[in-house]
Amino acid sequence: MQSLRHQRIRELLKREAGDLLRQHLPLETYGLVSVHEVFVSGDLKHAKILLGHVGSKDQRKQSEHYLNEHRGELQKDVSQRVVMKYSPQVRFSFDDSIEKGNQVLSIMDDLEHSEESPS
């Protein structure tokens, strides 16, 4: 279990990263990119930011490309907003759990409908 300090840092990074993403990724071009979760290493030198995306596949690809190209700039902005002894090295990753859950629910619905209608 992580300490209270880790939890506070995770929440602070989550809030600040969300604000930065809203500034850097306009909704019309990149779709809606939101921060789902932030994981911080024990020594606070690494942070993994899980993102969610609502929009087209092209917008998601553009978002991924932007985040990969400008990771250093975004990391610098985060470190200026969240002042710590060591600013964490930030890594962005998209969270596909909601999409996978929707696929499972869709398969279950298909199975239910196929059982209801005898062939």
C-alpha atoms as a PDB file:
ATOM      1  CA  MET A   1       0.000   0.000   0.000  1.00  0.00           C
ATOM      2  CA  GLN A   2       1.306   3.407  -0.949  1.00  0.00           C
ATOM      3  CA  SER A   3       1.751   6.143   1.589  1.00  0.00           C
ATOM      4  CA  LEU A   4      -0.449   9.174   1.903  1.00  0.00           C
ATOM      5  CA  ARG A   5       2.303  11.228   0.251  1.00  0.00           C
ATOM      6  CA  HIS A   6       2.266   8.967  -2.820  1.00  0.00           C
ATOM      7  CA  GLN A   7      -1.509   9.251  -3.056  1.00  0.00           C
ATOM      8  CA  ARG A   8      -1.390  13.038  -2.832  1.00  0.00           C
ATOM      9  CA  ILE A   9       1.333  13.223  -5.494  1.00  0.00           C
ATOM     10  CA  ARG A  10      -0.631  10.889  -7.779  1.00  0.00           C
ATOM     11  CA  GLU A  11      -3.747  13.050  -7.456  1.00  0.00           C
ATOM     12  CA  LEU A  12      -1.772  16.254  -7.998  1.00  0.00           C
ATOM     13  CA  LEU A  13      -0.092  14.816 -11.106  1.00  0.00           C
ATOM     14  CA  LYS A  14      -3.458  13.592 -12.371  1.00  0.00           C
ATOM     15  CA  ARG A  15      -5.039  17.031 -12.023  1.00  0.00           C
ATOM     16  CA  GLU A  16      -2.119  18.949 -13.541  1.00  0.00           C
ATOM     17  CA  ALA A  17      -1.633  16.494 -16.418  1.00  0.00           C
ATOM     18  CA  GLY A  18      -5.343  16.737 -17.207  1.00  0.00           C
ATOM     19  CA  ASP A  19      -5.140  20.529 -17.334  1.00  0.00           C
ATOM     20  CA  LEU A  20      -2.075  20.392 -19.598  1.00  0.00           C
ATOM     21  CA  LEU A  21      -3.703  17.914 -21.974  1.00  0.00           C
ATOM     22  CA  ARG A  22      -6.767  20.147 -22.302  1.00  0.00           C
ATOM     23  CA  GLN A  23      -4.474  23.036 -23.243  1.00  0.00           C
ATOM     24  CA  HIS A  24      -2.262  21.105 -25.672  1.00  0.00           C
ATOM     25  CA  LEU A  25      -4.831  18.808 -27.319  1.00  0.00           C
ATOM     26  CA  PRO A  26      -7.815  20.753 -28.699  1.00  0.00           C
ATOM     27  CA  LEU A  27     -11.049  18.771 -28.712  1.00  0.00           C
ATOM     28  CA  GLU A  28     -11.820  19.373 -32.402  1.00  0.00           C
ATOM     29  CA  THR A  29      -8.487  18.014 -33.614  1.00  0.00           C
ATOM     30  CA  TYR A  30      -7.582  15.271 -31.136  1.00  0.00           C
ATOM     31  CA  GLY A  31     -10.902  14.254 -29.599  1.00  0.00           C
ATOM     32  CA  LEU A  32     -11.419  14.123 -25.844  1.00  0.00           C
ATOM     33  CA  VAL A  33      -8.277  12.924 -24.048  1.00  0.00           C
ATOM     34  CA  SER A  34      -8.647  12.491 -20.293  1.00  0.00           C
ATOM     35  CA  VAL A  35      -6.460  11.173 -17.506  1.00  0.00           C
ATOM     36  CA  HIS A  36      -7.823   7.954 -15.996  1.00  0.00           C
ATOM     37  CA  GLU A  37      -5.075   7.062 -13.540  1.00  0.00           C
ATOM     38  CA  VAL A  38      -1.514   7.941 -12.557  1.00  0.00           C
ATOM     39  CA  PHE A  39       0.960   5.396 -11.223  1.00  0.00           C
ATOM     40  CA  VAL A  40       4.092   6.625  -9.465  1.00  0.00           C
ATOM     41  CA  SER A  41       7.173   4.555  -8.679  1.00  0.00           C
ATOM     42  CA  GLY A  42       8.308   4.128  -5.089  1.00  0.00           C
ATOM     43  CA  ASP A  43      11.176   6.610  -5.491  1.00  0.00           C
ATOM     44  CA  LEU A  44       8.871   9.122  -7.256  1.00  0.00           C
ATOM     45  CA  LYS A  45      11.186   9.328 -10.264  1.00  0.00           C
ATOM     46  CA  HIS A  46       8.812   7.689 -12.767  1.00  0.00           C
ATOM     47  CA  ALA A  47       5.151   8.297 -13.481  1.00  0.00           C
ATOM     48  CA  LYS A  48       2.888   6.383 -15.847  1.00  0.00           C
ATOM     49  CA  ILE A  49      -0.205   8.315 -16.895  1.00  0.00           C
ATOM     50  CA  LEU A  50      -3.109   6.229 -18.212  1.00  0.00           C
ATOM     51  CA  LEU A  51      -5.284   8.124 -20.654  1.00  0.00           C
ATOM     52  CA  GLY A  52      -8.755   7.620 -21.995  1.00  0.00           C
ATOM     53  CA  HIS A  53      -9.881   8.771 -25.419  1.00  0.00           C
ATOM     54  CA  VAL A  54     -13.262   9.563 -26.910  1.00  0.00           C
ATOM     55  CA  GLY A  55     -13.235  10.227 -30.626  1.00  0.00           C
ATOM     56  CA  SER A  56     -12.333   8.619 -33.929  1.00  0.00           C
ATOM     57  CA  LYS A  57      -9.425   6.254 -34.474  1.00  0.00           C
ATOM     58  CA  ASP A  58      -7.654   8.910 -36.541  1.00  0.00           C
ATOM     59  CA  GLN A  59      -7.951  11.385 -33.681  1.00  0.00           C
ATOM     60  CA  ARG A  60      -6.524   8.801 -31.295  1.00  0.00           C
ATOM     61  CA  LYS A  61      -3.569   8.180 -33.608  1.00  0.00           C
ATOM     62  CA  GLN A  62      -2.981  11.933 -33.832  1.00  0.00           C
ATOM     63  CA  SER A  63      -3.137  12.171 -30.039  1.00  0.00           C
ATOM     64  CA  GLU A  64      -0.635   9.331 -29.611  1.00  0.00           C
ATOM     65  CA  HIS A  65       1.687  10.912 -32.158  1.00  0.00           C
ATOM     66  CA  TYR A  66       1.461  14.326 -30.465  1.00  0.00           C
ATOM     67  CA  LEU A  67       2.136  12.857 -27.018  1.00  0.00           C
ATOM     68  CA  ASN A  68       5.140  10.889 -28.282  1.00  0.00           C
ATOM     69  CA  GLU A  69       6.590  13.881 -30.125  1.00  0.00           C
ATOM     70  CA  HIS A  70       6.061  16.378 -27.299  1.00  0.00           C
ATOM     71  CA  ARG A  71       6.610  14.168 -24.236  1.00  0.00           C
ATOM     72  CA  GLY A  72       9.643  16.183 -23.119  1.00  0.00           C
ATOM     73  CA  GLU A  73       7.787  19.472 -23.346  1.00  0.00           C
ATOM     74  CA  LEU A  74       4.808  18.083 -21.444  1.00  0.00           C
ATOM     75  CA  GLN A  75       7.110  16.589 -18.811  1.00  0.00           C
ATOM     76  CA  LYS A  76       8.790  19.971 -18.379  1.00  0.00           C
ATOM     77  CA  ASP A  77       5.395  21.659 -17.979  1.00  0.00           C
ATOM     78  CA  VAL A  78       4.323  19.087 -15.386  1.00  0.00           C
ATOM     79  CA  SER A  79       7.561  19.550 -13.444  1.00  0.00           C
ATOM     80  CA  GLN A  80       7.025  23.326 -13.385  1.00  0.00           C
ATOM     81  CA  ARG A  81       3.516  22.889 -12.007  1.00  0.00           C
ATOM     82  CA  VAL A  82       4.335  20.113  -9.522  1.00  0.00           C
ATOM     83  CA  VAL A  83       7.461  21.167  -7.672  1.00  0.00           C
ATOM     84  CA  MET A  84       9.363  18.201  -6.221  1.00  0.00           C
ATOM     85  CA  LYS A  85      12.969  17.389  -5.463  1.00  0.00           C
ATOM     86  CA  TYR A  86      13.072  15.095  -8.508  1.00  0.00           C
ATOM     87  CA  SER A  87      10.552  15.659 -11.240  1.00  0.00           C
ATOM     88  CA  PRO A  88       9.204  12.290 -12.386  1.00  0.00           C
ATOM     89  CA  GLN A  89       9.907  10.986 -15.860  1.00  0.00           C
ATOM     90  CA  VAL A  90       6.446  10.894 -17.411  1.00  0.00           C
ATOM     91  CA  ARG A  91       5.198   8.167 -19.742  1.00  0.00           C
ATOM     92  CA  PHE A  92       1.788   8.341 -21.419  1.00  0.00           C
ATOM     93  CA  SER A  93      -0.223   5.234 -22.205  1.00  0.00           C
ATOM     94  CA  PHE A  94      -3.795   4.822 -23.449  1.00  0.00           C
ATOM     95  CA  ASP A  95      -6.139   2.704 -21.336  1.00  0.00           C
ATOM     96  CA  ASP A  96      -8.172   0.272 -23.461  1.00  0.00           C
ATOM     97  CA  SER A  97     -10.073  -1.337 -20.583  1.00  0.00           C
ATOM     98  CA  ILE A  98     -13.360   0.441 -21.349  1.00  0.00           C
ATOM     99  CA  GLU A  99     -13.257  -0.597 -25.012  1.00  0.00           C
ATOM    100  CA  LYS A 100     -12.455  -4.184 -24.056  1.00  0.00           C
ATOM    101  CA  GLY A 101     -15.282  -4.195 -21.516  1.00  0.00           C
ATOM    102  CA  ASN A 102     -17.716  -2.928 -24.156  1.00  0.00           C
ATOM    103  CA  GLN A 103     -16.575  -5.712 -26.519  1.00  0.00           C
ATOM    104  CA  VAL A 104     -17.192  -8.339 -23.838  1.00  0.00           C
ATOM    105  CA  LEU A 105     -20.666  -6.917 -23.132  1.00  0.00           C
ATOM    106  CA  SER A 106     -21.433  -6.912 -26.849  1.00  0.00           C
ATOM    107  CA  ILE A 107     -20.401 -10.564 -27.157  1.00  0.00           C
ATOM    108  CA  MET A 108     -22.545 -11.454 -24.151  1.00  0.00           C
ATOM    109  CA  ASP A 109     -25.543  -9.660 -25.693  1.00  0.00           C
ATOM    110  CA  ASP A 110     -25.001 -11.535 -28.963  1.00  0.00           C
ATOM    111  CA  LEU A 111     -24.916 -14.833 -27.084  1.00  0.00           C
ATOM    112  CA  GLU A 112     -28.110 -13.985 -25.214  1.00  0.00           C
ATOM    113  CA  HIS A 113     -29.915 -13.115 -28.452  1.00  0.00           C
ATOM    114  CA  SER A 114     -28.720 -16.262 -30.182  1.00  0.00           C
ATOM    115  CA  GLU A 115     -29.990 -18.418 -27.272  1.00  0.00           C
ATOM    116  CA  GLU A 116     -33.395 -16.705 -27.329  1.00  0.00           C
ATOM    117  CA  SER A 117     -34.018 -17.325 -31.019  1.00  0.00           C
ATOM    118  CA  PRO A 118     -33.899 -21.102 -31.770  1.00  0.00           C
ATOM    119  CA  SER A 119     -32.380 -22.025 -35.106  1.00  0.00           C
END
